[in-house]
Amino acid sequence: MGTLSRILILLAVVVLLGGLIFVVTWDIPPPTQQIEKVIPDERLPR
């Protein structure tokens, strides 16, 4: 395996790990909009 391919593989692993760490630590705010749905009586079990 050549030096260039080793560097590219190492770079890809570092980018993937960095992206994974970013997604895991990202504090995504919860949605604040209220959702209301009307369910017809025919869909409810009796």
PDB file of N, CA and C in Angstrom:
ATOM      1  N   MET A   1       0.850  -1.170   0.000  1.00  0.00           N
ATOM      2  CA  MET A   1       0.000   0.000   0.000  1.00  0.00           C
ATOM      3  C   MET A   1       0.894   1.230   0.000  1.00  0.00           C
ATOM      4  N   GLY A   2       0.606   2.138  -0.907  1.00  0.00           N
ATOM      5  CA  GLY A   2       1.461   3.315  -1.033  1.00  0.00           C
ATOM      6  C   GLY A   2       1.211   4.338   0.054  1.00  0.00           C
ATOM      7  N   THR A   3       2.122   5.261   0.142  1.00  0.00           N
ATOM      8  CA  THR A   3       2.034   6.303   1.160  1.00  0.00           C
ATOM      9  C   THR A   3       0.802   7.180   0.939  1.00  0.00           C
ATOM     10  N   LEU A   4       0.516   7.493  -0.317  1.00  0.00           N
ATOM     11  CA  LEU A   4      -0.624   8.357  -0.622  1.00  0.00           C
ATOM     12  C   LEU A   4      -1.942   7.702  -0.212  1.00  0.00           C
ATOM     13  N   SER A   5      -2.078   6.414  -0.476  1.00  0.00           N
ATOM     14  CA  SER A   5      -3.322   5.741  -0.116  1.00  0.00           C
ATOM     15  C   SER A   5      -3.476   5.638   1.400  1.00  0.00           C
ATOM     16  N   ARG A   6      -2.399   5.449   2.124  1.00  0.00           N
ATOM     17  CA  ARG A   6      -2.459   5.417   3.589  1.00  0.00           C
ATOM     18  C   ARG A   6      -2.896   6.772   4.149  1.00  0.00           C
ATOM     19  N   ILE A   7      -2.371   7.837   3.567  1.00  0.00           N
ATOM     20  CA  ILE A   7      -2.736   9.175   4.017  1.00  0.00           C
ATOM     21  C   ILE A   7      -4.214   9.442   3.724  1.00  0.00           C
ATOM     22  N   LEU A   8      -4.700   9.019   2.565  1.00  0.00           N
ATOM     23  CA  LEU A   8      -6.105   9.225   2.214  1.00  0.00           C
ATOM     24  C   LEU A   8      -7.037   8.428   3.131  1.00  0.00           C
ATOM     25  N   ILE A   9      -6.668   7.205   3.446  1.00  0.00           N
ATOM     26  CA  ILE A   9      -7.477   6.394   4.357  1.00  0.00           C
ATOM     27  C   ILE A   9      -7.486   7.011   5.751  1.00  0.00           C
ATOM     28  N   LEU A  10      -6.352   7.446   6.230  1.00  0.00           N
ATOM     29  CA  LEU A  10      -6.274   8.091   7.540  1.00  0.00           C
ATOM     30  C   LEU A  10      -7.097   9.374   7.562  1.00  0.00           C
ATOM     31  N   LEU A  11      -7.047  10.149   6.510  1.00  0.00           N
ATOM     32  CA  LEU A  11      -7.820  11.385   6.415  1.00  0.00           C
ATOM     33  C   LEU A  11      -9.321  11.078   6.421  1.00  0.00           C
ATOM     34  N   ALA A  12      -9.739  10.037   5.711  1.00  0.00           N
ATOM     35  CA  ALA A  12     -11.150   9.654   5.683  1.00  0.00           C
ATOM     36  C   ALA A  12     -11.615   9.215   7.069  1.00  0.00           C
ATOM     37  N   VAL A  13     -10.810   8.470   7.796  1.00  0.00           N
ATOM     38  CA  VAL A  13     -11.163   8.021   9.146  1.00  0.00           C
ATOM     39  C   VAL A  13     -11.280   9.217  10.089  1.00  0.00           C
ATOM     40  N   VAL A  14     -10.363  10.157   9.979  1.00  0.00           N
ATOM     41  CA  VAL A  14     -10.402  11.346  10.837  1.00  0.00           C
ATOM     42  C   VAL A  14     -11.650  12.177  10.546  1.00  0.00           C
ATOM     43  N   VAL A  15     -12.001  12.337   9.268  1.00  0.00           N
ATOM     44  CA  VAL A  15     -13.193  13.104   8.900  1.00  0.00           C
ATOM     45  C   VAL A  15     -14.450  12.401   9.403  1.00  0.00           C
ATOM     46  N   LEU A  16     -14.535  11.086   9.258  1.00  0.00           N
ATOM     47  CA  LEU A  16     -15.696  10.344   9.737  1.00  0.00           C
ATOM     48  C   LEU A  16     -15.832  10.429  11.260  1.00  0.00           C
ATOM     49  N   LEU A  17     -14.747  10.275  11.968  1.00  0.00           N
ATOM     50  CA  LEU A  17     -14.789  10.373  13.427  1.00  0.00           C
ATOM     51  C   LEU A  17     -15.163  11.784  13.871  1.00  0.00           C
ATOM     52  N   GLY A  18     -14.636  12.784  13.193  1.00  0.00           N
ATOM     53  CA  GLY A  18     -14.986  14.166  13.526  1.00  0.00           C
ATOM     54  C   GLY A  18     -16.467  14.438  13.299  1.00  0.00           C
ATOM     55  N   GLY A  19     -17.002  13.946  12.190  1.00  0.00           N
ATOM     56  CA  GLY A  19     -18.427  14.110  11.917  1.00  0.00           C
ATOM     57  C   GLY A  19     -19.282  13.389  12.928  1.00  0.00           C
ATOM     58  N   LEU A  20     -18.882  12.195  13.319  1.00  0.00           N
ATOM     59  CA  LEU A  20     -19.615  11.432  14.321  1.00  0.00           C
ATOM     60  C   LEU A  20     -19.617  12.146  15.668  1.00  0.00           C
ATOM     61  N   ILE A  21     -18.486  12.657  16.075  1.00  0.00           N
ATOM     62  CA  ILE A  21     -18.395  13.388  17.345  1.00  0.00           C
ATOM     63  C   ILE A  21     -19.246  14.651  17.287  1.00  0.00           C
ATOM     64  N   PHE A  22     -19.254  15.331  16.150  1.00  0.00           N
ATOM     65  CA  PHE A  22     -20.067  16.540  16.005  1.00  0.00           C
ATOM     66  C   PHE A  22     -21.548  16.222  16.149  1.00  0.00           C
ATOM     67  N   VAL A  23     -22.023  15.170  15.504  1.00  0.00           N
ATOM     68  CA  VAL A  23     -23.438  14.818  15.556  1.00  0.00           C
ATOM     69  C   VAL A  23     -23.840  14.372  16.960  1.00  0.00           C
ATOM     70  N   VAL A  24     -22.967  13.639  17.632  1.00  0.00           N
ATOM     71  CA  VAL A  24     -23.287  13.144  18.978  1.00  0.00           C
ATOM     72  C   VAL A  24     -23.358  14.298  19.980  1.00  0.00           C
ATOM     73  N   THR A  25     -22.505  15.294  19.843  1.00  0.00           N
ATOM     74  CA  THR A  25     -22.462  16.382  20.822  1.00  0.00           C
ATOM     75  C   THR A  25     -23.328  17.568  20.429  1.00  0.00           C
ATOM     76  N   TRP A  26     -23.954  17.552  19.259  1.00  0.00           N
ATOM     77  CA  TRP A  26     -24.764  18.673  18.785  1.00  0.00           C
ATOM     78  C   TRP A  26     -26.058  18.737  19.589  1.00  0.00           C
ATOM     79  N   ASP A  27     -26.336  19.882  20.190  1.00  0.00           N
ATOM     80  CA  ASP A  27     -27.538  20.059  20.995  1.00  0.00           C
ATOM     81  C   ASP A  27     -28.642  20.623  20.105  1.00  0.00           C
ATOM     82  N   ILE A  28     -29.424  19.731  19.503  1.00  0.00           N
ATOM     83  CA  ILE A  28     -30.482  20.140  18.593  1.00  0.00           C
ATOM     84  C   ILE A  28     -31.686  20.586  19.411  1.00  0.00           C
ATOM     85  N   PRO A  29     -32.202  21.788  19.166  1.00  0.00           N
ATOM     86  CA  PRO A  29     -33.369  22.227  19.939  1.00  0.00           C
ATOM     87  C   PRO A  29     -34.619  21.455  19.523  1.00  0.00           C
ATOM     88  N   PRO A  30     -35.478  21.131  20.492  1.00  0.00           N
ATOM     89  CA  PRO A  30     -36.706  20.400  20.162  1.00  0.00           C
ATOM     90  C   PRO A  30     -37.691  21.315  19.437  1.00  0.00           C
ATOM     91  N   PRO A  31     -38.565  20.744  18.627  1.00  0.00           N
ATOM     92  CA  PRO A  31     -39.556  21.575  17.948  1.00  0.00           C
ATOM     93  C   PRO A  31     -40.542  22.181  18.960  1.00  0.00           C
ATOM     94  N   THR A  32     -40.941  23.414  18.711  1.00  0.00           N
ATOM     95  CA  THR A  32     -41.818  24.101  19.647  1.00  0.00           C
ATOM     96  C   THR A  32     -43.224  24.303  19.088  1.00  0.00           C
ATOM     97  N   GLN A  33     -43.450  23.946  17.844  1.00  0.00           N
ATOM     98  CA  GLN A  33     -44.756  24.137  17.236  1.00  0.00           C
ATOM     99  C   GLN A  33     -45.694  22.995  17.636  1.00  0.00           C
ATOM    100  N   GLN A  34     -46.922  23.346  18.065  1.00  0.00           N
ATOM    101  CA  GLN A  34     -47.883  22.344  18.490  1.00  0.00           C
ATOM    102  C   GLN A  34     -48.584  21.764  17.268  1.00  0.00           C
ATOM    103  N   ILE A  35     -48.757  20.446  17.264  1.00  0.00           N
ATOM    104  CA  ILE A  35     -49.401  19.758  16.156  1.00  0.00           C
ATOM    105  C   ILE A  35     -50.687  19.120  16.672  1.00  0.00           C
ATOM    106  N   GLU A  36     -51.776  19.392  15.978  1.00  0.00           N
ATOM    107  CA  GLU A  36     -53.056  18.788  16.339  1.00  0.00           C
ATOM    108  C   GLU A  36     -53.577  18.006  15.143  1.00  0.00           C
ATOM    109  N   LYS A  37     -53.997  16.762  15.386  1.00  0.00           N
ATOM    110  CA  LYS A  37     -54.556  15.930  14.327  1.00  0.00           C
ATOM    111  C   LYS A  37     -55.937  15.454  14.757  1.00  0.00           C
ATOM    112  N   VAL A  38     -56.847  15.432  13.794  1.00  0.00           N
ATOM    113  CA  VAL A  38     -58.189  14.933  14.049  1.00  0.00           C
ATOM    114  C   VAL A  38     -58.244  13.490  13.582  1.00  0.00           C
ATOM    115  N   ILE A  39     -58.606  12.585  14.508  1.00  0.00           N
ATOM    116  CA  ILE A  39     -58.697  11.169  14.183  1.00  0.00           C
ATOM    117  C   ILE A  39     -60.185  10.815  14.129  1.00  0.00           C
ATOM    118  N   PRO A  40     -60.644  10.307  12.994  1.00  0.00           N
ATOM    119  CA  PRO A  40     -62.058   9.935  12.907  1.00  0.00           C
ATOM    120  C   PRO A  40     -62.406   8.789  13.857  1.00  0.00           C
ATOM    121  N   ASP A  41     -63.660   8.743  14.301  1.00  0.00           N
ATOM    122  CA  ASP A  41     -64.102   7.694  15.222  1.00  0.00           C
ATOM    123  C   ASP A  41     -63.968   6.306  14.629  1.00  0.00           C
ATOM    124  N   GLU A  42     -64.042   6.189  13.309  1.00  0.00           N
ATOM    125  CA  GLU A  42     -63.973   4.867  12.665  1.00  0.00           C
ATOM    126  C   GLU A  42     -62.605   4.222  12.856  1.00  0.00           C
ATOM    127  N   ARG A  43     -61.588   4.994  13.081  1.00  0.00           N
ATOM    128  CA  ARG A  43     -60.226   4.435  13.231  1.00  0.00           C
ATOM    129  C   ARG A  43     -59.937   3.989  14.655  1.00  0.00           C
ATOM    130  N   LEU A  44     -60.766   4.350  15.603  1.00  0.00           N
ATOM    131  CA  LEU A  44     -60.523   3.989  17.007  1.00  0.00           C
ATOM    132  C   LEU A  44     -61.179   2.636  17.312  1.00  0.00           C
ATOM    133  N   PRO A  45     -60.460   1.779  18.064  1.00  0.00           N
ATOM    134  CA  PRO A  45     -61.070   0.487  18.432  1.00  0.00           C
ATOM    135  C   PRO A  45     -62.177   0.686  19.468  1.00  0.00           C
ATOM    136  N   ARG A  46     -63.102  -0.228  19.457  1.00  0.00           N
ATOM    137  CA  ARG A  46     -64.216  -0.119  20.405  1.00  0.00           C
ATOM    138  C   ARG A  46     -64.069  -1.131  21.519  1.00  0.00           C
TER     139      ARG A  46
END
